[in-house]
Amino acid sequence: MSKMAMWCPRCNQIHERGQRCPLRKGRPKHNKQYDDAEYRRNRRRALDRTQGRCARCGRLIADRDSRGEWRMREGGVHHIVNLKEGGGHATGNLAPLCDECHLFMHR
């Protein structure tokens, strides 16, 4: 039985089933380092420390849900020393930032 061809809405081409779209080839794969329990625990602590606000400008970036977990409105938790440069998931290396400040930090 042959594989069926499928239309790809991303590139508007027809691909064999199982064949990846050429526009997806350059996309990075999920970084498993962010699934780490230490990162999740310290991310929560960093948001607790700033009460869900951006560490740089003070804008509210996260709310607590009914279970007490943080839900991001915008932005994310920034590693002050990048993981590639040897930084870890320690609480002191994490800073909650809004989208604008996060972009500023990466310039």
N, C-alpha and C. Protein backbone atom coordinates (compact mmCIF):
# COMPACT_ATOMS: atom_id res chain seq x y z
N MET A 1 0.84 -1.18 0.00
CA MET A 1 0.00 0.00 0.00
C MET A 1 0.89 1.25 0.00
N SER A 2 0.63 2.16 -0.87
CA SER A 2 1.45 3.37 -0.97
C SER A 2 0.96 4.42 0.02
N LYS A 3 1.89 5.31 0.36
CA LYS A 3 1.54 6.40 1.27
C LYS A 3 0.74 7.45 0.51
N MET A 4 -0.24 8.02 1.18
CA MET A 4 -1.07 9.04 0.55
C MET A 4 -0.37 10.39 0.57
N ALA A 5 -0.55 11.16 -0.47
CA ALA A 5 -0.02 12.51 -0.52
C ALA A 5 -0.97 13.43 0.24
N MET A 6 -0.39 14.42 0.88
CA MET A 6 -1.19 15.37 1.66
C MET A 6 -0.80 16.78 1.27
N TRP A 7 -1.78 17.67 1.22
CA TRP A 7 -1.55 19.07 0.93
C TRP A 7 -1.06 19.75 2.21
N CYS A 8 -0.02 20.54 2.12
CA CYS A 8 0.57 21.24 3.26
C CYS A 8 0.12 22.70 3.24
N PRO A 9 -0.60 23.16 4.26
CA PRO A 9 -1.05 24.55 4.29
C PRO A 9 0.10 25.53 4.53
N ARG A 10 1.21 25.05 5.08
CA ARG A 10 2.34 25.93 5.38
C ARG A 10 3.03 26.41 4.11
N CYS A 11 3.31 25.46 3.19
CA CYS A 11 4.06 25.84 1.98
C CYS A 11 3.22 25.73 0.71
N ASN A 12 1.96 25.30 0.85
CA ASN A 12 1.03 25.18 -0.27
C ASN A 12 1.54 24.18 -1.32
N GLN A 13 2.18 23.12 -0.85
CA GLN A 13 2.68 22.06 -1.72
C GLN A 13 2.09 20.72 -1.28
N ILE A 14 2.26 19.71 -2.11
CA ILE A 14 1.82 18.37 -1.76
C ILE A 14 3.04 17.55 -1.34
N HIS A 15 2.94 16.89 -0.18
CA HIS A 15 4.01 16.06 0.35
C HIS A 15 3.47 14.65 0.58
N GLU A 16 4.36 13.68 0.48
CA GLU A 16 4.00 12.32 0.85
C GLU A 16 3.78 12.29 2.36
N ARG A 17 2.87 11.46 2.83
CA ARG A 17 2.62 11.36 4.26
C ARG A 17 3.92 10.93 4.95
N GLY A 18 4.26 11.62 6.03
CA GLY A 18 5.49 11.34 6.75
C GLY A 18 6.67 12.20 6.30
N GLN A 19 6.55 12.83 5.14
CA GLN A 19 7.60 13.72 4.66
C GLN A 19 7.44 15.08 5.32
N ARG A 20 8.52 15.65 5.83
CA ARG A 20 8.44 16.95 6.50
C ARG A 20 8.41 18.08 5.49
N CYS A 21 7.68 19.11 5.84
CA CYS A 21 7.62 20.31 5.02
C CYS A 21 8.99 20.97 5.02
N PRO A 22 9.51 21.43 3.88
CA PRO A 22 10.82 22.07 3.86
C PRO A 22 10.87 23.35 4.68
N LEU A 23 9.74 23.98 4.91
CA LEU A 23 9.73 25.19 5.73
C LEU A 23 9.88 24.88 7.21
N ARG A 24 9.70 23.62 7.62
CA ARG A 24 9.84 23.22 9.03
C ARG A 24 11.22 22.69 9.34
N LYS A 25 12.04 22.44 8.35
CA LYS A 25 13.33 21.80 8.58
C LYS A 25 14.24 22.62 9.47
N GLY A 26 14.19 23.94 9.39
CA GLY A 26 15.08 24.78 10.15
C GLY A 26 14.60 25.09 11.56
N ARG A 27 13.40 24.67 11.90
CA ARG A 27 12.88 24.99 13.22
C ARG A 27 13.58 24.18 14.29
N PRO A 28 13.90 24.82 15.43
CA PRO A 28 14.58 24.09 16.50
C PRO A 28 13.66 23.08 17.16
N LYS A 29 14.24 22.00 17.63
CA LYS A 29 13.47 21.00 18.36
C LYS A 29 13.27 21.48 19.79
N HIS A 30 12.30 20.89 20.47
CA HIS A 30 12.02 21.25 21.85
C HIS A 30 13.24 20.98 22.73
N ASN A 31 13.56 21.92 23.58
CA ASN A 31 14.69 21.78 24.48
C ASN A 31 14.24 21.08 25.75
N LYS A 32 14.70 19.86 25.97
CA LYS A 32 14.26 19.07 27.11
C LYS A 32 14.76 19.62 28.44
N GLN A 33 15.73 20.53 28.40
CA GLN A 33 16.23 21.11 29.64
C GLN A 33 15.15 21.90 30.37
N TYR A 34 14.11 22.36 29.65
CA TYR A 34 13.04 23.12 30.27
C TYR A 34 11.97 22.22 30.88
N ASP A 35 12.08 20.91 30.70
CA ASP A 35 11.18 19.96 31.34
C ASP A 35 11.71 19.53 32.70
N ASP A 36 12.89 20.00 33.05
CA ASP A 36 13.56 19.62 34.28
C ASP A 36 12.75 20.10 35.51
N ALA A 37 12.64 19.25 36.52
CA ALA A 37 11.90 19.59 37.74
C ALA A 37 12.53 20.78 38.45
N GLU A 38 13.86 20.87 38.43
CA GLU A 38 14.54 22.00 39.08
C GLU A 38 14.14 23.31 38.41
N TYR A 39 14.08 23.31 37.07
CA TYR A 39 13.70 24.53 36.35
C TYR A 39 12.27 24.92 36.71
N ARG A 40 11.34 23.98 36.70
CA ARG A 40 9.94 24.30 37.00
C ARG A 40 9.80 24.84 38.43
N ARG A 41 10.49 24.24 39.38
CA ARG A 41 10.42 24.67 40.78
C ARG A 41 11.01 26.08 40.94
N ASN A 42 12.18 26.32 40.34
CA ASN A 42 12.82 27.62 40.49
C ASN A 42 12.15 28.70 39.66
N ARG A 43 11.51 28.32 38.57
CA ARG A 43 10.71 29.26 37.78
C ARG A 43 9.57 29.79 38.64
N ARG A 44 8.91 28.88 39.36
CA ARG A 44 7.82 29.26 40.26
C ARG A 44 8.34 30.18 41.36
N ARG A 45 9.51 29.86 41.91
CA ARG A 45 10.11 30.70 42.96
C ARG A 45 10.45 32.09 42.44
N ALA A 46 10.96 32.16 41.22
CA ALA A 46 11.29 33.47 40.63
C ALA A 46 10.03 34.30 40.44
N LEU A 47 8.94 33.67 40.01
CA LEU A 47 7.67 34.40 39.86
C LEU A 47 7.11 34.79 41.22
N ASP A 48 7.27 33.93 42.23
CA ASP A 48 6.85 34.28 43.59
C ASP A 48 7.62 35.50 44.09
N ARG A 49 8.92 35.52 43.83
CA ARG A 49 9.80 36.60 44.28
C ARG A 49 9.34 37.95 43.72
N THR A 50 8.89 37.97 42.46
CA THR A 50 8.48 39.24 41.84
C THR A 50 6.96 39.42 41.84
N GLN A 51 6.24 38.49 42.47
CA GLN A 51 4.77 38.53 42.52
C GLN A 51 4.15 38.57 41.12
N GLY A 52 4.76 37.84 40.19
CA GLY A 52 4.22 37.75 38.83
C GLY A 52 4.47 38.99 37.99
N ARG A 53 5.41 39.79 38.39
CA ARG A 53 5.71 41.02 37.65
C ARG A 53 7.06 40.92 36.96
N CYS A 54 7.24 41.73 35.93
CA CYS A 54 8.51 41.79 35.22
C CYS A 54 9.58 42.31 36.17
N ALA A 55 10.71 41.64 36.23
CA ALA A 55 11.79 42.04 37.13
C ALA A 55 12.44 43.34 36.70
N ARG A 56 12.25 43.75 35.45
CA ARG A 56 12.91 44.95 34.95
C ARG A 56 11.99 46.17 35.00
N CYS A 57 10.74 46.04 34.51
CA CYS A 57 9.85 47.21 34.44
C CYS A 57 8.67 47.15 35.40
N GLY A 58 8.39 45.99 35.98
CA GLY A 58 7.31 45.88 36.95
C GLY A 58 5.94 45.58 36.38
N ARG A 59 5.84 45.39 35.08
CA ARG A 59 4.55 45.07 34.45
C ARG A 59 4.07 43.69 34.90
N LEU A 60 2.76 43.56 35.14
CA LEU A 60 2.19 42.27 35.53
C LEU A 60 2.23 41.33 34.33
N ILE A 61 2.93 40.19 34.49
CA ILE A 61 3.09 39.26 33.37
C ILE A 61 2.50 37.89 33.65
N ALA A 62 2.08 37.63 34.91
CA ALA A 62 1.54 36.31 35.25
C ALA A 62 0.47 36.44 36.33
N ASP A 63 -0.49 35.54 36.28
CA ASP A 63 -1.56 35.46 37.28
C ASP A 63 -1.54 34.08 37.91
N ARG A 64 -2.05 34.01 39.12
CA ARG A 64 -2.19 32.70 39.78
C ARG A 64 -3.54 32.10 39.39
N ASP A 65 -3.54 30.79 39.11
CA ASP A 65 -4.80 30.12 38.82
C ASP A 65 -5.40 29.60 40.12
N SER A 66 -6.48 28.84 40.01
CA SER A 66 -7.20 28.36 41.20
C SER A 66 -6.36 27.39 42.04
N ARG A 67 -5.35 26.76 41.43
CA ARG A 67 -4.48 25.84 42.16
C ARG A 67 -3.25 26.52 42.73
N GLY A 68 -3.12 27.82 42.49
CA GLY A 68 -1.96 28.55 42.99
C GLY A 68 -0.76 28.53 42.06
N GLU A 69 -0.93 27.96 40.86
CA GLU A 69 0.16 27.93 39.87
C GLU A 69 0.15 29.21 39.06
N TRP A 70 1.32 29.61 38.60
CA TRP A 70 1.43 30.81 37.78
C TRP A 70 1.07 30.51 36.33
N ARG A 71 0.26 31.36 35.72
CA ARG A 71 -0.09 31.29 34.30
C ARG A 71 0.37 32.59 33.65
N MET A 72 1.23 32.45 32.66
CA MET A 72 1.82 33.62 32.01
C MET A 72 0.81 34.35 31.14
N ARG A 73 0.75 35.65 31.28
CA ARG A 73 -0.03 36.50 30.38
C ARG A 73 0.82 36.83 29.16
N GLU A 74 2.08 37.11 29.41
CA GLU A 74 3.04 37.45 28.36
C GLU A 74 4.43 37.19 28.91
N GLY A 75 5.42 37.30 28.07
CA GLY A 75 6.79 37.18 28.49
C GLY A 75 7.19 35.78 28.90
N GLY A 76 8.21 35.70 29.71
CA GLY A 76 8.72 34.42 30.15
C GLY A 76 9.78 34.62 31.22
N VAL A 77 10.40 33.53 31.60
CA VAL A 77 11.45 33.59 32.61
C VAL A 77 12.78 33.47 31.89
N HIS A 78 13.59 34.49 32.04
CA HIS A 78 14.86 34.66 31.34
C HIS A 78 16.01 34.09 32.17
N HIS A 79 16.92 33.37 31.52
CA HIS A 79 18.16 32.93 32.17
C HIS A 79 19.17 34.05 32.04
N ILE A 80 19.61 34.58 33.14
CA ILE A 80 20.56 35.69 33.12
C ILE A 80 21.87 35.25 32.46
N VAL A 81 22.40 34.11 32.89
CA VAL A 81 23.54 33.49 32.20
C VAL A 81 22.95 32.34 31.38
N ASN A 82 23.05 32.42 30.07
CA ASN A 82 22.45 31.42 29.18
C ASN A 82 22.91 30.01 29.51
N LEU A 83 22.02 29.05 29.22
CA LEU A 83 22.37 27.65 29.44
C LEU A 83 23.58 27.25 28.60
N LYS A 84 23.67 27.78 27.38
CA LYS A 84 24.79 27.46 26.49
C LYS A 84 26.12 27.96 27.05
N GLU A 85 26.05 28.99 27.89
CA GLU A 85 27.26 29.57 28.46
C GLU A 85 27.54 29.02 29.86
N GLY A 86 26.82 27.97 30.25
CA GLY A 86 27.08 27.34 31.54
C GLY A 86 26.16 27.77 32.66
N GLY A 87 25.20 28.64 32.37
CA GLY A 87 24.23 29.04 33.38
C GLY A 87 23.28 27.90 33.67
N GLY A 88 22.76 27.88 34.86
CA GLY A 88 21.85 26.79 35.23
C GLY A 88 20.47 27.31 35.54
N HIS A 89 19.70 26.47 36.21
CA HIS A 89 18.32 26.80 36.56
C HIS A 89 18.21 27.32 37.99
N ALA A 90 19.29 27.77 38.60
CA ALA A 90 19.25 28.29 39.96
C ALA A 90 18.33 29.51 40.02
N THR A 91 17.68 29.70 41.15
CA THR A 91 16.74 30.80 41.31
C THR A 91 17.39 32.15 41.02
N GLY A 92 18.63 32.33 41.42
CA GLY A 92 19.33 33.59 41.18
C GLY A 92 19.66 33.84 39.73
N ASN A 93 19.56 32.82 38.89
CA ASN A 93 19.86 32.97 37.46
C ASN A 93 18.59 33.16 36.64
N LEU A 94 17.42 33.17 37.28
CA LEU A 94 16.15 33.31 36.57
C LEU A 94 15.51 34.65 36.87
N ALA A 95 15.04 35.33 35.84
CA ALA A 95 14.38 36.62 36.01
C ALA A 95 13.12 36.66 35.14
N PRO A 96 11.94 36.79 35.75
CA PRO A 96 10.71 36.93 34.95
C PRO A 96 10.73 38.26 34.21
N LEU A 97 10.49 38.21 32.90
CA LEU A 97 10.52 39.43 32.09
C LEU A 97 9.33 39.47 31.15
N CYS A 98 8.81 40.68 30.90
CA CYS A 98 7.75 40.85 29.89
C CYS A 98 8.40 40.69 28.51
N ASP A 99 7.58 40.61 27.47
CA ASP A 99 8.10 40.42 26.11
C ASP A 99 9.09 41.53 25.71
N GLU A 100 8.72 42.77 26.04
CA GLU A 100 9.54 43.91 25.66
C GLU A 100 10.92 43.88 26.33
N CYS A 101 10.94 43.61 27.64
CA CYS A 101 12.19 43.57 28.38
C CYS A 101 13.02 42.33 28.00
N HIS A 102 12.34 41.22 27.71
CA HIS A 102 13.04 40.01 27.31
C HIS A 102 13.76 40.24 25.97
N LEU A 103 13.08 40.91 25.06
CA LEU A 103 13.69 41.24 23.77
C LEU A 103 14.88 42.18 23.99
N PHE A 104 14.74 43.17 24.88
CA PHE A 104 15.82 44.10 25.20
C PHE A 104 17.05 43.36 25.73
N MET A 105 16.83 42.38 26.61
CA MET A 105 17.93 41.63 27.22
C MET A 105 18.69 40.80 26.19
N HIS A 106 18.04 40.40 25.11
CA HIS A 106 18.68 39.56 24.10
C HIS A 106 19.32 40.37 22.98
N ARG A 107 19.26 41.67 23.04
CA ARG A 107 19.90 42.52 22.03
C ARG A 107 21.33 42.73 22.34
